[in-house]
Amino acid sequence: MAQVTSSGRLETVSSSPTTSAWVNERLHVGCAIFEGDRGVLDCLDTIRDLAGQYTVAEVIYDPWRFGQAAQELEREGLIMEKFPQNDTKMVPASNTLHAAITGGARAGTSLRVGRPLH
């Protein structure tokens, strides 16, 4: 989901309408869960706050409810990548995340969902 370089650059923020997750240069993981009608708006605010603190390389999102929000963030200069949540995508993503967690991922290690660790 995120790649952090040794210089502390936040490479990826993963986002759905109800959650945002991020990693800092010390591999401290942050997560926020949003509920209700304001979930998308609160998630947008969190992503904007993170973009103010870190250099965000891309935001991965599920287009189901986050389509318009993604367009707004893209217009603001963030790189957006669609990631529909279906079995074809989520099973490999879950396996990659599990391997990263149990394998002790470190700074500079890619944790991009659905992509092999580098």
C-alpha atoms as a PDB file:
ATOM      1  CA  MET A   1       0.000   0.000   0.000  1.00  0.00           C
ATOM      2  CA  ALA A   2       2.808   2.373   0.715  1.00  0.00           C
ATOM      3  CA  GLN A   3       6.458   2.722  -0.082  1.00  0.00           C
ATOM      4  CA  VAL A   4       8.659   4.838   2.122  1.00  0.00           C
ATOM      5  CA  THR A   5      12.139   5.719   0.968  1.00  0.00           C
ATOM      6  CA  SER A   6      15.037   6.013   3.401  1.00  0.00           C
ATOM      7  CA  SER A   7      14.631   9.805   3.174  1.00  0.00           C
ATOM      8  CA  GLY A   8      11.131   9.476   4.635  1.00  0.00           C
ATOM      9  CA  ARG A   9       9.161  10.163   1.484  1.00  0.00           C
ATOM     10  CA  LEU A  10       5.646   8.705   1.652  1.00  0.00           C
ATOM     11  CA  GLU A  11       5.215   6.949  -1.676  1.00  0.00           C
ATOM     12  CA  THR A  12       1.627   5.720  -1.569  1.00  0.00           C
ATOM     13  CA  VAL A  13      -1.545   6.372   0.345  1.00  0.00           C
ATOM     14  CA  SER A  14      -4.283   3.784   0.069  1.00  0.00           C
ATOM     15  CA  SER A  15      -7.823   4.933   0.416  1.00  0.00           C
ATOM     16  CA  SER A  16     -11.395   3.692   0.248  1.00  0.00           C
ATOM     17  CA  PRO A  17     -14.539   5.614   1.159  1.00  0.00           C
ATOM     18  CA  THR A  18     -14.227   4.538   4.789  1.00  0.00           C
ATOM     19  CA  THR A  19     -10.490   4.088   5.428  1.00  0.00           C
ATOM     20  CA  SER A  20      -7.139   5.725   4.827  1.00  0.00           C
ATOM     21  CA  ALA A  21      -3.824   4.059   5.621  1.00  0.00           C
ATOM     22  CA  TRP A  22      -0.279   5.411   5.446  1.00  0.00           C
ATOM     23  CA  VAL A  23       3.289   4.662   6.523  1.00  0.00           C
ATOM     24  CA  ASN A  24       5.987   7.108   7.634  1.00  0.00           C
ATOM     25  CA  GLU A  25       9.784   6.903   7.290  1.00  0.00           C
ATOM     26  CA  ARG A  26      10.038   4.883  10.526  1.00  0.00           C
ATOM     27  CA  LEU A  27       7.456   2.396   9.215  1.00  0.00           C
ATOM     28  CA  HIS A  28       4.842   3.592  11.669  1.00  0.00           C
ATOM     29  CA  VAL A  29       1.525   2.749  10.090  1.00  0.00           C
ATOM     30  CA  GLY A  30      -1.414   5.081  10.421  1.00  0.00           C
ATOM     31  CA  CYS A  31      -5.021   4.280   9.678  1.00  0.00           C
ATOM     32  CA  ALA A  32      -8.231   6.232   9.963  1.00  0.00           C
ATOM     33  CA  ILE A  33     -11.714   4.773   9.617  1.00  0.00           C
ATOM     34  CA  PHE A  34     -14.620   6.978   8.595  1.00  0.00           C
ATOM     35  CA  GLU A  35     -18.306   6.122   8.769  1.00  0.00           C
ATOM     36  CA  GLY A  36     -21.603   7.552   7.693  1.00  0.00           C
ATOM     37  CA  ASP A  37     -22.528  10.086   5.069  1.00  0.00           C
ATOM     38  CA  ARG A  38     -19.393  12.181   5.724  1.00  0.00           C
ATOM     39  CA  GLY A  39     -17.015   9.236   5.274  1.00  0.00           C
ATOM     40  CA  VAL A  40     -15.776  10.261   1.831  1.00  0.00           C
ATOM     41  CA  LEU A  41     -15.406  13.920   2.830  1.00  0.00           C
ATOM     42  CA  ASP A  42     -13.495  13.063   6.010  1.00  0.00           C
ATOM     43  CA  CYS A  43     -11.266  10.697   4.041  1.00  0.00           C
ATOM     44  CA  LEU A  44     -10.569  13.504   1.543  1.00  0.00           C
ATOM     45  CA  ASP A  45      -9.551  15.804   4.394  1.00  0.00           C
ATOM     46  CA  THR A  46      -7.170  13.161   5.768  1.00  0.00           C
ATOM     47  CA  ILE A  47      -5.523  12.642   2.382  1.00  0.00           C
ATOM     48  CA  ARG A  48      -5.105  16.388   1.957  1.00  0.00           C
ATOM     49  CA  ASP A  49      -3.567  16.641   5.446  1.00  0.00           C
ATOM     50  CA  LEU A  50      -1.134  13.824   4.620  1.00  0.00           C
ATOM     51  CA  ALA A  51      -0.230  15.517   1.332  1.00  0.00           C
ATOM     52  CA  GLY A  52       0.631  18.607   3.381  1.00  0.00           C
ATOM     53  CA  GLN A  53       2.984  16.568   5.601  1.00  0.00           C
ATOM     54  CA  TYR A  54       4.526  14.171   3.070  1.00  0.00           C
ATOM     55  CA  THR A  55       5.395  13.968  -0.587  1.00  0.00           C
ATOM     56  CA  VAL A  56       2.664  11.617  -1.794  1.00  0.00           C
ATOM     57  CA  ALA A  57       3.572   9.688  -4.940  1.00  0.00           C
ATOM     58  CA  GLU A  58       0.115   8.231  -5.546  1.00  0.00           C
ATOM     59  CA  VAL A  59      -3.258   7.514  -3.980  1.00  0.00           C
ATOM     60  CA  ILE A  60      -4.848   4.137  -4.615  1.00  0.00           C
ATOM     61  CA  TYR A  61      -8.638   4.145  -4.404  1.00  0.00           C
ATOM     62  CA  ASP A  62     -11.750   2.090  -5.048  1.00  0.00           C
ATOM     63  CA  PRO A  63     -13.835   3.965  -7.625  1.00  0.00           C
ATOM     64  CA  TRP A  64     -17.143   2.661  -6.220  1.00  0.00           C
ATOM     65  CA  ARG A  65     -17.794   5.743  -4.024  1.00  0.00           C
ATOM     66  CA  PHE A  66     -14.526   7.612  -4.353  1.00  0.00           C
ATOM     67  CA  GLY A  67     -14.680   8.538  -8.060  1.00  0.00           C
ATOM     68  CA  GLN A  68     -15.499  12.226  -7.715  1.00  0.00           C
ATOM     69  CA  ALA A  69     -13.168  12.639  -4.742  1.00  0.00           C
ATOM     70  CA  ALA A  70     -10.389  11.082  -6.819  1.00  0.00           C
ATOM     71  CA  GLN A  71     -11.027  13.584  -9.597  1.00  0.00           C
ATOM     72  CA  GLU A  72     -10.761  16.451  -7.104  1.00  0.00           C
ATOM     73  CA  LEU A  73      -7.475  15.143  -5.688  1.00  0.00           C
ATOM     74  CA  GLU A  74      -6.110  14.596  -9.192  1.00  0.00           C
ATOM     75  CA  ARG A  75      -7.010  18.180 -10.094  1.00  0.00           C
ATOM     76  CA  GLU A  76      -5.063  19.251  -6.987  1.00  0.00           C
ATOM     77  CA  GLY A  77      -1.976  17.481  -8.350  1.00  0.00           C
ATOM     78  CA  LEU A  78      -2.073  14.038  -6.713  1.00  0.00           C
ATOM     79  CA  ILE A  79      -1.575  10.954  -8.841  1.00  0.00           C
ATOM     80  CA  MET A  80      -4.613   8.703  -8.515  1.00  0.00           C
ATOM     81  CA  GLU A  81      -4.774   4.987  -9.345  1.00  0.00           C
ATOM     82  CA  LYS A  82      -8.044   3.031  -9.491  1.00  0.00           C
ATOM     83  CA  PHE A  83      -8.102  -0.229  -7.560  1.00  0.00           C
ATOM     84  CA  PRO A  84     -11.561  -1.828  -7.639  1.00  0.00           C
ATOM     85  CA  GLN A  85     -12.066  -4.183  -4.699  1.00  0.00           C
ATOM     86  CA  ASN A  86     -12.780  -7.587  -6.192  1.00  0.00           C
ATOM     87  CA  ASP A  87     -11.371 -11.076  -5.639  1.00  0.00           C
ATOM     88  CA  THR A  88      -8.968 -10.787  -8.573  1.00  0.00           C
ATOM     89  CA  LYS A  89      -7.287  -7.777  -6.975  1.00  0.00           C
ATOM     90  CA  MET A  90      -7.842  -8.284  -3.237  1.00  0.00           C
ATOM     91  CA  VAL A  91      -6.512 -11.856  -2.867  1.00  0.00           C
ATOM     92  CA  PRO A  92      -3.035 -11.017  -4.252  1.00  0.00           C
ATOM     93  CA  ALA A  93      -3.075  -7.691  -2.374  1.00  0.00           C
ATOM     94  CA  SER A  94      -3.862  -9.420   0.926  1.00  0.00           C
ATOM     95  CA  ASN A  95      -1.126 -11.982   0.303  1.00  0.00           C
ATOM     96  CA  THR A  96       1.395  -9.228  -0.460  1.00  0.00           C
ATOM     97  CA  LEU A  97       0.451  -7.292   2.664  1.00  0.00           C
ATOM     98  CA  HIS A  98       0.630 -10.423   4.833  1.00  0.00           C
ATOM     99  CA  ALA A  99       4.072 -11.300   3.437  1.00  0.00           C
ATOM    100  CA  ALA A 100       5.303  -7.750   4.075  1.00  0.00           C
ATOM    101  CA  ILE A 101       4.056  -7.764   7.652  1.00  0.00           C
ATOM    102  CA  THR A 102       5.304 -11.228   8.569  1.00  0.00           C
ATOM    103  CA  GLY A 103       8.546 -10.708   6.656  1.00  0.00           C
ATOM    104  CA  GLY A 104       9.439  -7.516   8.529  1.00  0.00           C
ATOM    105  CA  ALA A 105       9.306  -4.959   5.711  1.00  0.00           C
ATOM    106  CA  ARG A 106      11.745  -2.088   6.099  1.00  0.00           C
ATOM    107  CA  ALA A 107      12.219   1.415   4.700  1.00  0.00           C
ATOM    108  CA  GLY A 108      12.648   1.375   0.948  1.00  0.00           C
ATOM    109  CA  THR A 109      10.580  -1.813   0.598  1.00  0.00           C
ATOM    110  CA  SER A 110       7.588  -1.590  -1.694  1.00  0.00           C
ATOM    111  CA  LEU A 111       4.271  -2.522  -0.131  1.00  0.00           C
ATOM    112  CA  ARG A 112       2.213  -1.566  -3.134  1.00  0.00           C
ATOM    113  CA  VAL A 113      -0.991  -3.514  -3.156  1.00  0.00           C
ATOM    114  CA  GLY A 114      -1.225  -6.141  -5.877  1.00  0.00           C
ATOM    115  CA  ARG A 115       2.413  -5.769  -6.883  1.00  0.00           C
ATOM    116  CA  PRO A 116       5.349  -7.911  -5.838  1.00  0.00           C
ATOM    117  CA  LEU A 117       7.684  -6.648  -3.123  1.00  0.00           C
ATOM    118  CA  HIS A 118      10.947  -5.236  -4.512  1.00  0.00           C
END
